[in-house]
Amino acid sequence: MNDQSVEGIARSYVLAVGSHDMDVLENLLGEDLVATFAGATLDMAGWATALKRLLPVLVRNEIREVFSAQDRACVVYDFVTDTAAGAVRCIELLTISAGKIREIELVLDRVAFAPVNEALKTR
């Protein structure tokens, strides 16, 4: 990871998840991370565990857009799977300080993502 800008860190994070590179991912997450999704709040360990759970179905992440302002970035990407869901559009809002991701909010269509969860039950 060469680009230490807010946008660069955000891109590196989404691409690390998509390439299953947990070492890079864990280096990008702050120890004090707070991640939210569907009403749940997770710390760094919980978020890393949740991401690892998805890796068996994740083929890659395809970044569509990245927007940033000050310490915040918004990444719009396709979560490309080998399930009936195919590619699911996702949005992550990230807060970054001192080169680490401190806050994550993941937004996606839970109905479109349902086939991913069904496939995970059988793997």
N, C-alpha and C. Protein backbone atom coordinates (compact mmCIF):
# COMPACT_ATOMS: atom_id res chain seq x y z
N MET A 1 0.86 -1.18 0.00
CA MET A 1 0.00 0.00 0.00
C MET A 1 0.89 1.23 0.00
N ASN A 2 0.92 1.95 -1.10
CA ASN A 2 1.75 3.13 -1.21
C ASN A 2 0.99 4.41 -0.92
N ASP A 3 -0.26 4.47 -1.30
CA ASP A 3 -1.06 5.68 -1.19
C ASP A 3 -1.65 5.78 0.21
N GLN A 4 -1.12 6.70 1.01
CA GLN A 4 -1.57 6.88 2.39
C GLN A 4 -2.67 7.93 2.52
N SER A 5 -3.21 8.40 1.38
CA SER A 5 -4.32 9.34 1.43
C SER A 5 -5.57 8.61 1.93
N VAL A 6 -6.57 9.37 2.33
CA VAL A 6 -7.83 8.77 2.77
C VAL A 6 -8.40 7.89 1.65
N GLU A 7 -8.41 8.41 0.44
CA GLU A 7 -8.92 7.63 -0.69
C GLU A 7 -8.07 6.39 -0.94
N GLY A 8 -6.76 6.53 -0.87
CA GLY A 8 -5.85 5.40 -1.10
C GLY A 8 -6.04 4.29 -0.07
N ILE A 9 -6.19 4.66 1.18
CA ILE A 9 -6.41 3.67 2.24
C ILE A 9 -7.76 2.98 2.03
N ALA A 10 -8.78 3.75 1.68
CA ALA A 10 -10.11 3.17 1.44
C ALA A 10 -10.06 2.17 0.29
N ARG A 11 -9.39 2.53 -0.80
CA ARG A 11 -9.26 1.62 -1.94
C ARG A 11 -8.49 0.35 -1.53
N SER A 12 -7.40 0.54 -0.81
CA SER A 12 -6.59 -0.60 -0.38
C SER A 12 -7.39 -1.57 0.47
N TYR A 13 -8.22 -1.02 1.33
CA TYR A 13 -9.06 -1.84 2.21
C TYR A 13 -10.04 -2.71 1.40
N VAL A 14 -10.79 -2.09 0.50
CA VAL A 14 -11.78 -2.83 -0.28
C VAL A 14 -11.10 -3.86 -1.18
N LEU A 15 -9.98 -3.50 -1.76
CA LEU A 15 -9.26 -4.45 -2.62
C LEU A 15 -8.64 -5.58 -1.80
N ALA A 16 -8.16 -5.30 -0.59
CA ALA A 16 -7.60 -6.35 0.28
C ALA A 16 -8.68 -7.37 0.64
N VAL A 17 -9.87 -6.89 0.96
CA VAL A 17 -10.97 -7.82 1.25
C VAL A 17 -11.24 -8.66 0.00
N GLY A 18 -11.34 -8.02 -1.14
CA GLY A 18 -11.65 -8.72 -2.39
C GLY A 18 -10.61 -9.74 -2.80
N SER A 19 -9.36 -9.51 -2.42
CA SER A 19 -8.30 -10.46 -2.77
C SER A 19 -7.97 -11.41 -1.62
N HIS A 20 -8.78 -11.37 -0.57
CA HIS A 20 -8.64 -12.25 0.60
C HIS A 20 -7.31 -12.03 1.32
N ASP A 21 -6.77 -10.83 1.27
CA ASP A 21 -5.49 -10.52 1.89
C ASP A 21 -5.71 -10.01 3.31
N MET A 22 -5.89 -10.92 4.24
CA MET A 22 -6.21 -10.56 5.61
C MET A 22 -5.06 -9.85 6.32
N ASP A 23 -3.82 -10.11 5.92
CA ASP A 23 -2.69 -9.41 6.55
C ASP A 23 -2.75 -7.92 6.24
N VAL A 24 -2.95 -7.57 4.97
CA VAL A 24 -3.06 -6.16 4.60
C VAL A 24 -4.29 -5.56 5.28
N LEU A 25 -5.39 -6.28 5.23
CA LEU A 25 -6.62 -5.79 5.84
C LEU A 25 -6.42 -5.46 7.32
N GLU A 26 -5.88 -6.37 8.07
CA GLU A 26 -5.72 -6.15 9.51
C GLU A 26 -4.76 -5.02 9.81
N ASN A 27 -3.80 -4.75 8.91
CA ASN A 27 -2.90 -3.60 9.09
C ASN A 27 -3.59 -2.28 8.83
N LEU A 28 -4.68 -2.30 8.07
CA LEU A 28 -5.42 -1.07 7.76
C LEU A 28 -6.44 -0.70 8.83
N LEU A 29 -6.88 -1.70 9.60
CA LEU A 29 -7.92 -1.46 10.61
C LEU A 29 -7.30 -0.99 11.92
N GLY A 30 -7.88 0.07 12.48
CA GLY A 30 -7.42 0.55 13.78
C GLY A 30 -7.89 -0.36 14.89
N GLU A 31 -7.12 -0.45 15.94
CA GLU A 31 -7.49 -1.27 17.11
C GLU A 31 -8.82 -0.83 17.70
N ASP A 32 -9.14 0.46 17.53
CA ASP A 32 -10.37 1.03 18.09
C ASP A 32 -11.52 1.06 17.09
N LEU A 33 -11.42 0.25 16.04
CA LEU A 33 -12.43 0.23 14.98
C LEU A 33 -13.83 -0.02 15.54
N VAL A 34 -14.78 0.72 14.99
CA VAL A 34 -16.20 0.49 15.24
C VAL A 34 -16.84 0.32 13.86
N ALA A 35 -17.39 -0.87 13.61
CA ALA A 35 -18.02 -1.16 12.32
C ALA A 35 -19.49 -1.45 12.55
N THR A 36 -20.33 -0.88 11.68
CA THR A 36 -21.77 -1.11 11.80
C THR A 36 -22.32 -1.66 10.50
N PHE A 37 -23.29 -2.57 10.66
CA PHE A 37 -23.98 -3.17 9.53
C PHE A 37 -25.27 -3.75 10.04
N ALA A 38 -26.37 -3.39 9.41
CA ALA A 38 -27.69 -3.95 9.72
C ALA A 38 -28.02 -3.88 11.21
N GLY A 39 -27.67 -2.78 11.83
CA GLY A 39 -28.00 -2.58 13.23
C GLY A 39 -27.02 -3.19 14.21
N ALA A 40 -26.03 -3.94 13.74
CA ALA A 40 -25.02 -4.54 14.62
C ALA A 40 -23.79 -3.65 14.65
N THR A 41 -23.13 -3.64 15.79
CA THR A 41 -21.87 -2.91 15.95
C THR A 41 -20.79 -3.90 16.33
N LEU A 42 -19.68 -3.86 15.60
CA LEU A 42 -18.58 -4.80 15.82
C LEU A 42 -17.28 -4.05 16.06
N ASP A 43 -16.39 -4.67 16.84
CA ASP A 43 -15.04 -4.14 17.02
C ASP A 43 -14.15 -4.72 15.93
N MET A 44 -12.84 -4.42 15.99
CA MET A 44 -11.94 -4.88 14.94
C MET A 44 -11.95 -6.40 14.79
N ALA A 45 -11.85 -7.12 15.90
CA ALA A 45 -11.83 -8.58 15.83
C ALA A 45 -13.15 -9.12 15.26
N GLY A 46 -14.25 -8.56 15.68
CA GLY A 46 -15.55 -9.00 15.18
C GLY A 46 -15.72 -8.73 13.70
N TRP A 47 -15.24 -7.56 13.25
CA TRP A 47 -15.34 -7.21 11.83
C TRP A 47 -14.47 -8.14 11.00
N ALA A 48 -13.23 -8.40 11.45
CA ALA A 48 -12.34 -9.30 10.72
C ALA A 48 -12.95 -10.70 10.63
N THR A 49 -13.56 -11.16 11.71
CA THR A 49 -14.21 -12.47 11.71
C THR A 49 -15.37 -12.49 10.73
N ALA A 50 -16.16 -11.44 10.71
CA ALA A 50 -17.30 -11.37 9.78
C ALA A 50 -16.82 -11.39 8.33
N LEU A 51 -15.73 -10.68 8.04
CA LEU A 51 -15.20 -10.67 6.68
C LEU A 51 -14.67 -12.05 6.29
N LYS A 52 -13.94 -12.69 7.20
CA LYS A 52 -13.39 -14.03 6.92
C LYS A 52 -14.51 -15.02 6.62
N ARG A 53 -15.65 -14.86 7.26
CA ARG A 53 -16.79 -15.74 7.04
C ARG A 53 -17.29 -15.65 5.59
N LEU A 54 -17.10 -14.49 4.95
CA LEU A 54 -17.57 -14.27 3.58
C LEU A 54 -16.60 -14.75 2.51
N LEU A 55 -15.36 -14.97 2.85
CA LEU A 55 -14.33 -15.27 1.85
C LEU A 55 -14.63 -16.50 0.99
N PRO A 56 -15.27 -17.54 1.51
CA PRO A 56 -15.52 -18.70 0.65
C PRO A 56 -16.39 -18.41 -0.59
N VAL A 57 -17.17 -17.36 -0.57
CA VAL A 57 -18.03 -17.04 -1.71
C VAL A 57 -17.56 -15.82 -2.49
N LEU A 58 -16.62 -15.08 -1.94
CA LEU A 58 -16.17 -13.83 -2.56
C LEU A 58 -15.13 -14.11 -3.63
N VAL A 59 -15.43 -13.68 -4.85
CA VAL A 59 -14.49 -13.82 -5.96
C VAL A 59 -13.56 -12.60 -6.00
N ARG A 60 -14.15 -11.41 -5.88
CA ARG A 60 -13.37 -10.16 -5.90
C ARG A 60 -14.31 -9.00 -5.57
N ASN A 61 -13.73 -7.86 -5.31
CA ASN A 61 -14.47 -6.60 -5.20
C ASN A 61 -14.08 -5.73 -6.38
N GLU A 62 -15.06 -5.16 -7.04
CA GLU A 62 -14.82 -4.26 -8.17
C GLU A 62 -15.25 -2.86 -7.76
N ILE A 63 -14.28 -1.99 -7.56
CA ILE A 63 -14.57 -0.62 -7.13
C ILE A 63 -15.18 0.15 -8.29
N ARG A 64 -16.31 0.81 -8.02
CA ARG A 64 -17.00 1.63 -9.01
C ARG A 64 -16.67 3.11 -8.82
N GLU A 65 -16.70 3.58 -7.59
CA GLU A 65 -16.45 4.99 -7.29
C GLU A 65 -15.85 5.11 -5.90
N VAL A 66 -15.01 6.11 -5.71
CA VAL A 66 -14.51 6.47 -4.39
C VAL A 66 -14.61 7.98 -4.26
N PHE A 67 -15.25 8.41 -3.19
CA PHE A 67 -15.37 9.83 -2.89
C PHE A 67 -14.71 10.06 -1.54
N SER A 68 -14.05 11.18 -1.38
CA SER A 68 -13.45 11.46 -0.07
C SER A 68 -13.50 12.95 0.23
N ALA A 69 -13.56 13.24 1.52
CA ALA A 69 -13.52 14.61 2.03
C ALA A 69 -12.96 14.55 3.45
N GLN A 70 -11.94 15.33 3.71
CA GLN A 70 -11.26 15.33 4.99
C GLN A 70 -10.86 13.89 5.39
N ASP A 71 -11.40 13.40 6.48
CA ASP A 71 -11.02 12.07 6.97
C ASP A 71 -12.04 10.98 6.62
N ARG A 72 -12.95 11.28 5.69
CA ARG A 72 -14.02 10.34 5.33
C ARG A 72 -13.90 9.91 3.88
N ALA A 73 -14.24 8.65 3.63
CA ALA A 73 -14.29 8.14 2.27
C ALA A 73 -15.56 7.32 2.10
N CYS A 74 -16.09 7.35 0.90
CA CYS A 74 -17.25 6.54 0.52
C CYS A 74 -16.81 5.69 -0.67
N VAL A 75 -16.88 4.38 -0.51
CA VAL A 75 -16.49 3.46 -1.58
C VAL A 75 -17.73 2.72 -2.06
N VAL A 76 -17.99 2.82 -3.35
CA VAL A 76 -19.08 2.10 -3.98
C VAL A 76 -18.43 1.00 -4.80
N TYR A 77 -18.84 -0.24 -4.53
CA TYR A 77 -18.20 -1.36 -5.21
C TYR A 77 -19.18 -2.52 -5.39
N ASP A 78 -18.81 -3.42 -6.30
CA ASP A 78 -19.55 -4.65 -6.49
C ASP A 78 -18.83 -5.76 -5.74
N PHE A 79 -19.56 -6.42 -4.85
CA PHE A 79 -19.09 -7.58 -4.11
C PHE A 79 -19.41 -8.78 -5.01
N VAL A 80 -18.43 -9.25 -5.75
CA VAL A 80 -18.65 -10.27 -6.78
C VAL A 80 -18.50 -11.65 -6.15
N THR A 81 -19.57 -12.45 -6.25
CA THR A 81 -19.58 -13.77 -5.63
C THR A 81 -19.73 -14.87 -6.66
N ASP A 82 -19.52 -16.10 -6.20
CA ASP A 82 -19.77 -17.25 -7.06
C ASP A 82 -21.11 -17.89 -6.70
N THR A 83 -22.03 -17.09 -6.16
CA THR A 83 -23.35 -17.57 -5.75
C THR A 83 -24.40 -17.08 -6.75
N ALA A 84 -25.64 -17.46 -6.50
CA ALA A 84 -26.75 -17.00 -7.35
C ALA A 84 -26.92 -15.49 -7.30
N ALA A 85 -26.40 -14.85 -6.26
CA ALA A 85 -26.48 -13.39 -6.15
C ALA A 85 -25.62 -12.70 -7.19
N GLY A 86 -24.57 -13.36 -7.64
CA GLY A 86 -23.65 -12.73 -8.58
C GLY A 86 -22.93 -11.57 -7.91
N ALA A 87 -23.07 -10.38 -8.48
CA ALA A 87 -22.45 -9.17 -7.92
C ALA A 87 -23.49 -8.38 -7.15
N VAL A 88 -23.15 -8.02 -5.92
CA VAL A 88 -24.04 -7.23 -5.08
C VAL A 88 -23.39 -5.86 -4.85
N ARG A 89 -24.10 -4.80 -5.21
CA ARG A 89 -23.58 -3.45 -5.01
C ARG A 89 -23.53 -3.13 -3.52
N CYS A 90 -22.39 -2.62 -3.08
CA CYS A 90 -22.18 -2.27 -1.67
C CYS A 90 -21.63 -0.86 -1.58
N ILE A 91 -21.87 -0.23 -0.44
CA ILE A 91 -21.32 1.09 -0.13
C ILE A 91 -20.72 1.01 1.25
N GLU A 92 -19.49 1.46 1.38
CA GLU A 92 -18.88 1.53 2.70
C GLU A 92 -18.46 2.97 2.95
N LEU A 93 -18.86 3.47 4.11
CA LEU A 93 -18.46 4.79 4.58
C LEU A 93 -17.38 4.58 5.61
N LEU A 94 -16.21 5.15 5.37
CA LEU A 94 -15.05 4.92 6.22
C LEU A 94 -14.56 6.23 6.82
N THR A 95 -14.16 6.18 8.07
CA THR A 95 -13.47 7.30 8.71
C THR A 95 -12.04 6.83 8.98
N ILE A 96 -11.08 7.63 8.55
CA ILE A 96 -9.67 7.25 8.61
C ILE A 96 -8.89 8.34 9.31
N SER A 97 -8.06 7.92 10.26
CA SER A 97 -7.15 8.88 10.89
C SER A 97 -5.84 8.17 11.24
N ALA A 98 -4.76 8.91 11.14
CA ALA A 98 -3.42 8.38 11.40
C ALA A 98 -3.16 7.10 10.62
N GLY A 99 -3.66 7.05 9.37
CA GLY A 99 -3.40 5.92 8.50
C GLY A 99 -4.18 4.66 8.81
N LYS A 100 -5.15 4.74 9.71
CA LYS A 100 -5.94 3.58 10.09
C LYS A 100 -7.43 3.86 9.93
N ILE A 101 -8.17 2.81 9.60
CA ILE A 101 -9.62 2.93 9.49
C ILE A 101 -10.20 2.82 10.90
N ARG A 102 -10.94 3.84 11.31
CA ARG A 102 -11.49 3.91 12.68
C ARG A 102 -12.98 3.57 12.72
N GLU A 103 -13.69 3.90 11.63
CA GLU A 103 -15.13 3.63 11.57
C GLU A 103 -15.49 3.10 10.19
N ILE A 104 -16.41 2.13 10.18
CA ILE A 104 -16.93 1.58 8.93
C ILE A 104 -18.44 1.46 9.07
N GLU A 105 -19.14 1.91 8.05
CA GLU A 105 -20.57 1.63 7.96
C GLU A 105 -20.81 1.00 6.60
N LEU A 106 -21.31 -0.23 6.60
CA LEU A 106 -21.59 -0.96 5.37
C LEU A 106 -23.07 -0.88 5.06
N VAL A 107 -23.37 -0.52 3.80
CA VAL A 107 -24.75 -0.43 3.34
C VAL A 107 -24.88 -1.30 2.09
N LEU A 108 -25.90 -2.18 2.11
CA LEU A 108 -26.18 -3.00 0.94
C LEU A 108 -27.62 -3.44 0.96
N ASP A 109 -28.08 -3.96 -0.16
CA ASP A 109 -29.44 -4.48 -0.30
C ASP A 109 -29.46 -5.90 0.28
N ARG A 110 -30.07 -6.06 1.43
CA ARG A 110 -30.07 -7.36 2.10
C ARG A 110 -30.83 -8.42 1.33
N VAL A 111 -31.82 -8.03 0.55
CA VAL A 111 -32.55 -9.00 -0.28
C VAL A 111 -31.63 -9.52 -1.39
N ALA A 112 -30.90 -8.63 -2.04
CA ALA A 112 -29.97 -9.04 -3.08
C ALA A 112 -28.85 -9.91 -2.52
N PHE A 113 -28.50 -9.69 -1.24
CA PHE A 113 -27.41 -10.42 -0.59
C PHE A 113 -27.86 -11.77 -0.04
N ALA A 114 -29.16 -12.00 0.06
CA ALA A 114 -29.69 -13.23 0.67
C ALA A 114 -29.12 -14.51 0.06
N PRO A 115 -28.97 -14.62 -1.27
CA PRO A 115 -28.39 -15.85 -1.82
C PRO A 115 -26.95 -16.11 -1.35
N VAL A 116 -26.23 -15.05 -1.02
CA VAL A 116 -24.88 -15.21 -0.49
C VAL A 116 -24.96 -15.92 0.87
N ASN A 117 -25.84 -15.44 1.72
CA ASN A 117 -25.99 -16.07 3.04
C ASN A 117 -26.47 -17.51 2.93
N GLU A 118 -27.35 -17.79 1.99
CA GLU A 118 -27.82 -19.16 1.79
C GLU A 118 -26.67 -20.07 1.35
N ALA A 119 -25.84 -19.59 0.44
CA ALA A 119 -24.70 -20.38 -0.04
C ALA A 119 -23.71 -20.64 1.09
N LEU A 120 -23.51 -19.68 1.96
CA LEU A 120 -22.57 -19.84 3.07
C LEU A 120 -23.02 -20.94 4.04
N LYS A 121 -24.31 -21.13 4.15
CA LYS A 121 -24.83 -22.18 5.06
C LYS A 121 -24.42 -23.58 4.61
N THR A 122 -24.19 -23.75 3.30
CA THR A 122 -23.87 -25.06 2.77
C THR A 122 -22.37 -25.28 2.58
N ARG A 123 -21.58 -24.27 2.85
CA ARG A 123 -20.13 -24.41 2.62
C ARG A 123 -19.38 -24.56 3.92
